[in-house]
Amino acid sequence: MKLLLTSNGLVNKSIVAALLELVGKPAGETNVAFIPTASDAEEDDKGWVIDDLVNIKNQHFNQLDIVNIAALPKESWLPRFEHADVLIFGGGHTRHLMHWLRSSGAVDVLLELLKTRVYMGISAGSIATGPTLALSSSTDAPFAYDDDLPNDVVGLHLVPFHIRPHFNSSDFPKASEEYLREKAKEVPETIYALDDQSALKVIDGNVEIVSEGETLVLNG
């Protein structure tokens, strides 16, 4: 299984190169599906979603599709997933994303799809791949955005560790090193804290940090 788990998407040359290495062919021959579902539950300005899409578009992929699993039946989104070489799960409300991954039936086919496709996460899309949503900024409330999610909320289990995006960002106070070091005492698994210029490249469980910024590994 191949994954590229980012904090902020395709924001620099190192992360773009890592994605193309995982895909194994040039951008011009690569089809991408962007899943914006996590952003549906977020209020206020959505400029960050546009920024993510612009960064993807600027790579000149063969095709960029937008597929919202919360708005489409399985018979509509599944063929479009199958047509893609890369499935990009965008940022936003992690619990909302997990709800629709389950409700839509995507969790039932994802492992099979990822035998021949690359999973790319942006923020919430990266957090969701772990064993739980313990480090998510989403709560049990369906449209809330807070920093106290119970540790027992289950993730996709695609990787055995946790991602904390936006490391040391002033917009995410609980992504600070001080907070995460305390949180690591409660969370037994490894934590990778990634700033907005960083990502993890994962191939069959082997993890490589790809960064033009700052990262922190706890419980490693």
Protein backbone atom coordinates (compact mmCIF):
# COMPACT_ATOMS: atom_id res chain seq x y z
CA MET A 1 0.00 0.00 0.00
CA LYS A 2 1.25 3.48 -0.91
CA LEU A 3 0.28 6.63 0.94
CA LEU A 4 1.36 10.27 0.97
CA LEU A 5 0.17 11.88 4.19
CA THR A 6 0.52 15.65 4.16
CA SER A 7 -0.33 18.53 6.43
CA ASN A 8 -1.10 21.02 3.68
CA GLY A 9 -1.12 19.25 0.32
CA LEU A 10 1.19 19.70 -2.65
CA VAL A 11 2.89 22.83 -1.35
CA ASN A 12 6.50 22.22 -2.38
CA LYS A 13 8.66 20.36 -4.89
CA SER A 14 9.73 17.66 -2.43
CA ILE A 15 6.15 16.61 -1.68
CA VAL A 16 5.18 16.71 -5.36
CA ALA A 17 8.20 14.56 -6.24
CA ALA A 18 7.26 12.07 -3.50
CA LEU A 19 3.76 11.71 -4.94
CA LEU A 20 5.01 11.11 -8.47
CA GLU A 21 7.48 8.52 -7.17
CA LEU A 22 4.60 6.70 -5.51
CA VAL A 23 2.47 6.85 -8.66
CA GLY A 24 5.33 5.72 -10.88
CA LYS A 25 4.46 7.81 -13.93
CA PRO A 26 4.49 11.48 -14.98
CA ALA A 27 1.80 13.91 -13.84
CA GLY A 28 0.55 14.23 -17.41
CA GLU A 29 -0.37 10.55 -17.42
CA THR A 30 -1.93 10.55 -13.93
CA ASN A 31 -5.62 10.81 -13.04
CA VAL A 32 -6.50 12.34 -9.69
CA ALA A 33 -9.74 12.30 -7.70
CA PHE A 34 -10.10 14.95 -4.99
CA ILE A 35 -12.54 14.12 -2.21
CA PRO A 36 -13.63 17.36 -0.46
CA THR A 37 -16.06 15.70 1.98
CA ALA A 38 -14.23 16.69 5.19
CA SER A 39 -14.63 20.37 4.29
CA ASP A 40 -18.44 20.12 4.07
CA ALA A 41 -18.84 20.48 7.84
CA GLU A 42 -16.53 23.48 8.17
CA GLU A 43 -18.01 26.95 8.39
CA ASP A 44 -16.66 30.35 7.33
CA ASP A 45 -14.06 30.94 4.62
CA LYS A 46 -13.15 28.03 2.33
CA GLY A 47 -10.19 29.70 0.65
CA TRP A 48 -7.93 26.92 1.94
CA VAL A 49 -9.88 24.35 -0.10
CA ILE A 50 -9.37 26.47 -3.22
CA ASP A 51 -5.65 26.72 -2.39
CA ASP A 52 -5.44 22.93 -2.15
CA LEU A 53 -7.13 22.53 -5.52
CA VAL A 54 -4.92 25.16 -7.15
CA ASN A 55 -1.82 23.37 -5.89
CA ILE A 56 -3.15 20.12 -7.38
CA LYS A 57 -4.15 21.76 -10.67
CA ASN A 58 -0.72 23.37 -11.00
CA GLN A 59 0.86 19.92 -11.36
CA HIS A 60 -0.93 19.49 -14.74
CA PHE A 61 -2.29 16.04 -14.07
CA ASN A 62 -4.03 14.30 -16.95
CA GLN A 63 -7.36 14.63 -15.12
CA LEU A 64 -8.53 16.24 -11.89
CA ASP A 65 -11.95 15.03 -10.76
CA ILE A 66 -13.83 16.23 -7.66
CA VAL A 67 -15.84 13.46 -6.01
CA ASN A 68 -17.89 14.13 -2.89
CA ILE A 69 -18.87 10.82 -1.30
CA ALA A 70 -21.44 12.60 0.90
CA ALA A 71 -23.35 13.80 -2.16
CA LEU A 72 -23.22 10.81 -4.48
CA PRO A 73 -24.40 7.19 -4.41
CA LYS A 74 -21.79 4.45 -4.54
CA GLU A 75 -22.64 3.59 -8.13
CA SER A 76 -21.58 7.14 -9.06
CA TRP A 77 -18.43 7.67 -7.00
CA LEU A 78 -16.95 4.16 -7.25
CA PRO A 79 -16.26 4.19 -11.02
CA ARG A 80 -14.61 7.58 -10.62
CA PHE A 81 -12.42 6.25 -7.81
CA GLU A 82 -11.52 3.30 -10.02
CA HIS A 83 -10.56 5.67 -12.84
CA ALA A 84 -8.14 7.57 -10.62
CA ASP A 85 -4.48 6.79 -9.95
CA VAL A 86 -4.48 8.97 -6.83
CA LEU A 87 -7.28 9.45 -4.29
CA ILE A 88 -6.76 12.75 -2.47
CA PHE A 89 -8.79 13.10 0.71
CA GLY A 90 -8.87 16.78 1.63
CA GLY A 91 -8.89 18.59 4.95
CA GLY A 92 -11.62 19.78 7.27
CA HIS A 93 -13.68 17.95 9.87
CA THR A 94 -12.13 14.53 10.46
CA ARG A 95 -15.12 12.98 12.24
CA HIS A 96 -17.41 14.11 9.41
CA LEU A 97 -15.06 12.50 6.89
CA MET A 98 -15.00 9.23 8.82
CA HIS A 99 -18.79 9.25 9.09
CA TRP A 100 -19.15 9.46 5.31
CA LEU A 101 -16.36 7.01 4.59
CA ARG A 102 -18.42 4.49 6.54
CA SER A 103 -21.91 5.59 5.47
CA SER A 104 -21.01 5.71 1.78
CA GLY A 105 -19.44 2.27 1.81
CA ALA A 106 -15.98 3.62 0.91
CA VAL A 107 -14.33 1.81 3.82
CA ASP A 108 -15.57 -1.48 2.35
CA VAL A 109 -13.69 -1.02 -0.93
CA LEU A 110 -10.76 1.19 0.05
CA LEU A 111 -8.26 -1.58 0.83
CA GLU A 112 -8.91 -3.23 -2.52
CA LEU A 113 -8.64 0.09 -4.38
CA LEU A 114 -5.36 0.92 -2.65
CA LYS A 115 -3.70 -2.21 -4.01
CA THR A 116 -3.28 -0.30 -7.28
CA ARG A 117 -3.79 3.36 -6.28
CA VAL A 118 -2.11 5.94 -4.07
CA TYR A 119 -3.90 7.39 -1.06
CA MET A 120 -3.01 11.03 -0.43
CA GLY A 121 -4.27 12.87 2.64
CA ILE A 122 -4.40 16.56 3.42
CA SER A 123 -4.79 17.39 7.12
CA ALA A 124 -8.02 15.56 8.13
CA GLY A 125 -7.50 13.17 5.23
CA SER A 126 -4.14 12.24 6.76
CA ILE A 127 -5.39 11.99 10.34
CA ALA A 128 -8.14 9.58 9.27
CA THR A 129 -5.62 6.94 8.18
CA GLY A 130 -4.49 6.21 11.73
CA PRO A 131 -5.84 3.84 14.39
CA THR A 132 -7.96 6.53 16.08
CA LEU A 133 -8.77 10.22 15.71
CA ALA A 134 -7.08 11.00 19.02
CA LEU A 135 -5.16 13.95 17.59
CA SER A 136 -7.94 15.34 15.45
CA SER A 137 -9.34 18.81 16.03
CA SER A 138 -12.90 17.52 15.52
CA THR A 139 -15.29 16.58 18.32
CA ASP A 140 -18.26 14.25 18.64
CA ALA A 141 -20.55 17.16 17.71
CA PRO A 142 -21.24 16.71 13.99
CA PHE A 143 -20.45 20.27 12.95
CA ALA A 144 -18.24 21.46 15.80
CA TYR A 145 -14.54 22.21 15.55
CA ASP A 146 -12.69 21.83 18.81
CA ASP A 147 -9.64 20.10 20.22
CA ASP A 148 -11.06 17.49 22.61
CA LEU A 149 -11.97 14.41 20.58
CA PRO A 150 -12.21 11.19 22.63
CA ASN A 151 -9.32 8.84 22.01
CA ASP A 152 -11.55 5.88 21.22
CA VAL A 153 -12.94 7.20 17.93
CA VAL A 154 -11.75 4.72 15.29
CA GLY A 155 -9.77 5.67 12.19
CA LEU A 156 -9.12 3.74 8.99
CA HIS A 157 -6.18 1.73 10.39
CA LEU A 158 -4.25 2.15 7.15
CA VAL A 159 -1.19 3.04 9.25
CA PRO A 160 -0.34 2.14 12.88
CA PHE A 161 0.61 5.69 13.90
CA HIS A 162 -0.93 9.14 14.30
CA ILE A 163 -0.53 12.25 12.16
CA ARG A 164 -0.79 15.71 13.70
CA PRO A 165 -0.84 18.26 10.86
CA HIS A 166 -0.16 22.00 11.07
CA PHE A 167 2.61 21.50 13.63
CA ASN A 168 3.43 24.77 15.44
CA SER A 169 0.85 26.71 13.41
CA SER A 170 -0.59 29.72 15.24
CA ASP A 171 -4.01 28.72 13.87
CA PHE A 172 -3.87 25.41 15.79
CA PRO A 173 -2.77 26.03 19.40
CA LYS A 174 -2.96 22.34 20.29
CA ALA A 175 -0.55 21.46 17.50
CA SER A 176 2.25 22.99 19.55
CA GLU A 177 5.23 20.93 20.67
CA GLU A 178 4.36 21.51 24.32
CA TYR A 179 0.81 20.22 23.90
CA LEU A 180 1.85 17.23 21.81
CA ARG A 181 4.52 16.11 24.27
CA GLU A 182 1.84 15.99 26.95
CA LYS A 183 -0.60 14.23 24.62
CA ALA A 184 2.05 11.62 23.80
CA LYS A 185 1.85 10.45 27.42
CA GLU A 186 -1.78 9.42 26.78
CA VAL A 187 -1.39 8.02 23.26
CA PRO A 188 0.73 4.84 23.05
CA GLU A 189 1.33 4.89 19.28
CA THR A 190 3.98 6.91 17.45
CA ILE A 191 2.98 10.49 16.63
CA TYR A 192 4.29 12.31 13.56
CA ALA A 193 3.78 16.05 13.88
CA LEU A 194 4.10 17.69 10.46
CA ASP A 195 4.19 21.38 9.67
CA ASP A 196 2.63 22.73 6.50
CA GLN A 197 5.76 22.03 4.43
CA SER A 198 5.99 18.38 5.48
CA ALA A 199 4.56 14.96 4.65
CA LEU A 200 5.07 11.23 5.16
CA LYS A 201 5.68 8.84 2.28
CA VAL A 202 4.54 5.34 3.27
CA ILE A 203 5.18 2.22 1.19
CA ASP A 204 3.96 -1.09 2.65
CA GLY A 205 4.51 0.19 6.18
CA ASN A 206 7.91 1.77 5.55
CA VAL A 207 7.81 5.45 6.53
CA GLU A 208 9.91 8.26 5.06
CA ILE A 209 9.65 11.88 6.20
CA VAL A 210 9.48 14.33 3.29
CA SER A 211 9.98 17.86 4.52
CA GLU A 212 11.09 21.34 3.60
CA GLY A 213 9.99 22.49 7.03
CA GLU A 214 9.77 21.13 10.58
CA THR A 215 8.63 17.78 11.97
CA LEU A 216 8.52 16.09 15.36
CA VAL A 217 8.35 12.36 16.10
CA LEU A 218 7.06 11.24 19.50
CA ASN A 219 6.79 7.72 20.96
CA GLY A 220 9.01 6.56 18.11
